């Protein structure tokens, strides 16, 4: 998550090979060239922690 970011609330996911994507906190929509199967654990964590992530989004992006 970045301060003063753009778009709807989202998190950034970066893989060890350098590829990156963003994931919408509400819909879990992936933007980038990463398949859902590659970040299955991250998607589950995001889904389970939506309230926390929304709070952090509001804190970093007032």
N, C-alpha and C. Protein backbone atom coordinates (compact mmCIF):
# COMPACT_ATOMS: atom_id res chain seq x y z
N UNK A 1 0.85 -1.16 0.00
CA UNK A 1 0.00 0.00 0.00
C UNK A 1 0.90 1.23 0.00
N UNK A 2 0.48 2.24 -0.74
CA UNK A 2 1.29 3.45 -0.86
C UNK A 2 0.51 4.67 -0.40
N UNK A 3 1.22 5.65 0.13
CA UNK A 3 0.59 6.91 0.53
C UNK A 3 0.28 7.73 -0.71
N UNK A 4 -0.80 8.51 -0.61
CA UNK A 4 -1.24 9.37 -1.72
C UNK A 4 -1.37 8.59 -3.01
N UNK A 5 -1.94 7.40 -2.92
CA UNK A 5 -2.08 6.53 -4.08
C UNK A 5 -3.31 6.91 -4.89
N UNK A 6 -3.55 6.21 -5.95
CA UNK A 6 -4.60 6.50 -6.90
C UNK A 6 -5.64 5.40 -6.89
N UNK A 7 -6.66 5.56 -7.67
CA UNK A 7 -7.68 4.55 -7.89
C UNK A 7 -8.46 4.21 -6.64
N UNK A 8 -9.18 3.12 -6.71
CA UNK A 8 -9.93 2.62 -5.57
C UNK A 8 -8.97 1.92 -4.61
N UNK A 9 -9.41 1.67 -3.38
CA UNK A 9 -8.53 1.02 -2.40
C UNK A 9 -7.97 -0.31 -2.93
N UNK A 10 -6.65 -0.41 -2.89
CA UNK A 10 -5.99 -1.60 -3.42
C UNK A 10 -4.66 -1.81 -2.70
N UNK A 11 -4.11 -2.98 -2.87
CA UNK A 11 -2.78 -3.28 -2.35
C UNK A 11 -1.89 -3.69 -3.51
N UNK A 12 -0.61 -3.52 -3.34
CA UNK A 12 0.37 -3.92 -4.33
C UNK A 12 0.96 -5.27 -3.92
N UNK A 13 1.10 -6.16 -4.88
CA UNK A 13 1.72 -7.46 -4.64
C UNK A 13 2.89 -7.59 -5.59
N UNK A 14 4.05 -7.91 -5.05
CA UNK A 14 5.26 -8.07 -5.87
C UNK A 14 5.82 -9.47 -5.64
N UNK A 15 6.04 -10.18 -6.72
CA UNK A 15 6.58 -11.54 -6.65
C UNK A 15 8.11 -11.50 -6.64
N UNK A 16 8.71 -12.60 -6.23
CA UNK A 16 10.17 -12.68 -6.17
C UNK A 16 10.84 -12.46 -7.52
N UNK A 17 10.13 -12.76 -8.60
CA UNK A 17 10.73 -12.59 -9.93
C UNK A 17 10.60 -11.16 -10.44
N UNK A 18 10.05 -10.27 -9.61
CA UNK A 18 9.96 -8.86 -9.98
C UNK A 18 8.62 -8.43 -10.57
N UNK A 19 7.78 -9.38 -10.93
CA UNK A 19 6.47 -9.00 -11.46
C UNK A 19 5.61 -8.42 -10.35
N UNK A 20 4.76 -7.47 -10.73
CA UNK A 20 3.90 -6.79 -9.76
C UNK A 20 2.48 -6.72 -10.27
N UNK A 21 1.56 -6.58 -9.34
CA UNK A 21 0.17 -6.33 -9.68
C UNK A 21 -0.46 -5.55 -8.54
N UNK A 22 -1.66 -5.05 -8.78
CA UNK A 22 -2.46 -4.48 -7.71
C UNK A 22 -3.69 -5.36 -7.55
N UNK A 23 -4.20 -5.39 -6.32
CA UNK A 23 -5.40 -6.17 -6.03
C UNK A 23 -6.40 -5.25 -5.35
N UNK A 24 -7.59 -5.14 -5.93
CA UNK A 24 -8.67 -4.34 -5.36
C UNK A 24 -9.09 -4.98 -4.04
N UNK A 25 -9.14 -4.21 -2.99
CA UNK A 25 -9.45 -4.75 -1.66
C UNK A 25 -10.87 -5.32 -1.61
N UNK A 26 -11.81 -4.69 -2.29
CA UNK A 26 -13.20 -5.14 -2.22
C UNK A 26 -13.51 -6.31 -3.14
N UNK A 27 -13.04 -6.25 -4.36
CA UNK A 27 -13.42 -7.26 -5.36
C UNK A 27 -12.37 -8.33 -5.56
N UNK A 28 -11.16 -8.10 -5.08
CA UNK A 28 -10.00 -8.98 -5.31
C UNK A 28 -9.62 -9.04 -6.79
N UNK A 29 -10.05 -8.05 -7.57
CA UNK A 29 -9.67 -7.98 -8.98
C UNK A 29 -8.18 -7.69 -9.08
N UNK A 30 -7.52 -8.44 -9.92
CA UNK A 30 -6.08 -8.31 -10.13
C UNK A 30 -5.83 -7.47 -11.36
N UNK A 31 -4.97 -6.47 -11.24
CA UNK A 31 -4.54 -5.68 -12.39
C UNK A 31 -3.05 -5.88 -12.54
N UNK A 32 -2.67 -6.51 -13.61
CA UNK A 32 -1.29 -6.84 -13.86
C UNK A 32 -1.20 -8.22 -14.47
N UNK A 33 0.00 -8.65 -14.79
CA UNK A 33 0.20 -9.92 -15.47
C UNK A 33 0.55 -11.05 -14.50
N UNK A 34 -0.28 -11.20 -13.51
CA UNK A 34 -0.11 -12.27 -12.53
C UNK A 34 -1.44 -13.01 -12.42
N UNK A 35 -1.40 -14.31 -12.50
CA UNK A 35 -2.61 -15.12 -12.39
C UNK A 35 -3.01 -15.29 -10.94
N UNK A 36 -4.31 -15.41 -10.70
CA UNK A 36 -4.82 -15.59 -9.35
C UNK A 36 -4.18 -16.80 -8.67
N UNK A 37 -3.92 -17.85 -9.41
CA UNK A 37 -3.33 -19.06 -8.82
C UNK A 37 -1.94 -18.79 -8.26
N UNK A 38 -1.25 -17.79 -8.81
CA UNK A 38 0.10 -17.47 -8.35
C UNK A 38 0.10 -16.72 -7.02
N UNK A 39 -1.01 -16.07 -6.70
CA UNK A 39 -1.08 -15.30 -5.45
C UNK A 39 -2.28 -15.75 -4.61
N UNK A 40 -2.58 -17.01 -4.67
CA UNK A 40 -3.73 -17.57 -3.94
C UNK A 40 -3.67 -17.23 -2.46
N UNK A 41 -2.52 -17.42 -1.83
CA UNK A 41 -2.39 -17.14 -0.40
C UNK A 41 -2.57 -15.65 -0.10
N UNK A 42 -2.02 -14.80 -0.95
CA UNK A 42 -2.14 -13.36 -0.75
C UNK A 42 -3.59 -12.92 -0.90
N UNK A 43 -4.31 -13.47 -1.89
CA UNK A 43 -5.71 -13.14 -2.07
C UNK A 43 -6.53 -13.55 -0.85
N UNK A 44 -6.25 -14.71 -0.30
CA UNK A 44 -6.96 -15.16 0.90
C UNK A 44 -6.68 -14.22 2.07
N UNK A 45 -5.42 -13.79 2.22
CA UNK A 45 -5.08 -12.88 3.30
C UNK A 45 -5.79 -11.55 3.13
N UNK A 46 -5.82 -11.02 1.92
CA UNK A 46 -6.50 -9.75 1.65
C UNK A 46 -7.98 -9.88 1.99
N UNK A 47 -8.62 -10.97 1.55
CA UNK A 47 -10.04 -11.18 1.82
C UNK A 47 -10.32 -11.24 3.32
N UNK A 48 -9.46 -11.89 4.07
CA UNK A 48 -9.64 -12.04 5.52
C UNK A 48 -9.34 -10.76 6.29
N UNK A 49 -8.63 -9.84 5.67
CA UNK A 49 -8.18 -8.63 6.37
C UNK A 49 -8.70 -7.34 5.73
N UNK A 50 -9.85 -7.42 5.09
CA UNK A 50 -10.40 -6.24 4.39
C UNK A 50 -10.57 -5.04 5.32
N UNK A 51 -11.13 -5.27 6.51
CA UNK A 51 -11.37 -4.15 7.43
C UNK A 51 -10.06 -3.46 7.80
N UNK A 52 -9.05 -4.23 8.12
CA UNK A 52 -7.73 -3.68 8.44
C UNK A 52 -7.18 -2.90 7.25
N UNK A 53 -7.26 -3.47 6.08
CA UNK A 53 -6.71 -2.83 4.88
C UNK A 53 -7.46 -1.54 4.55
N UNK A 54 -8.78 -1.52 4.72
CA UNK A 54 -9.52 -0.29 4.49
C UNK A 54 -9.10 0.79 5.48
N UNK A 55 -8.89 0.40 6.73
CA UNK A 55 -8.42 1.37 7.72
C UNK A 55 -7.06 1.94 7.36
N UNK A 56 -6.17 1.09 6.93
CA UNK A 56 -4.84 1.55 6.52
C UNK A 56 -4.93 2.42 5.27
N UNK A 57 -5.80 2.04 4.33
CA UNK A 57 -5.97 2.85 3.11
C UNK A 57 -6.39 4.26 3.50
N UNK A 58 -7.38 4.39 4.39
CA UNK A 58 -7.85 5.71 4.80
C UNK A 58 -6.76 6.48 5.53
N UNK A 59 -5.95 5.78 6.29
CA UNK A 59 -4.86 6.45 7.02
C UNK A 59 -3.79 6.98 6.06
N UNK A 60 -3.44 6.20 5.07
CA UNK A 60 -2.39 6.60 4.11
C UNK A 60 -2.91 7.51 3.00
N UNK A 61 -4.20 7.47 2.75
CA UNK A 61 -4.80 8.24 1.65
C UNK A 61 -6.01 9.02 2.16
N UNK A 62 -5.78 10.03 3.00
CA UNK A 62 -6.92 10.77 3.58
C UNK A 62 -7.70 11.57 2.55
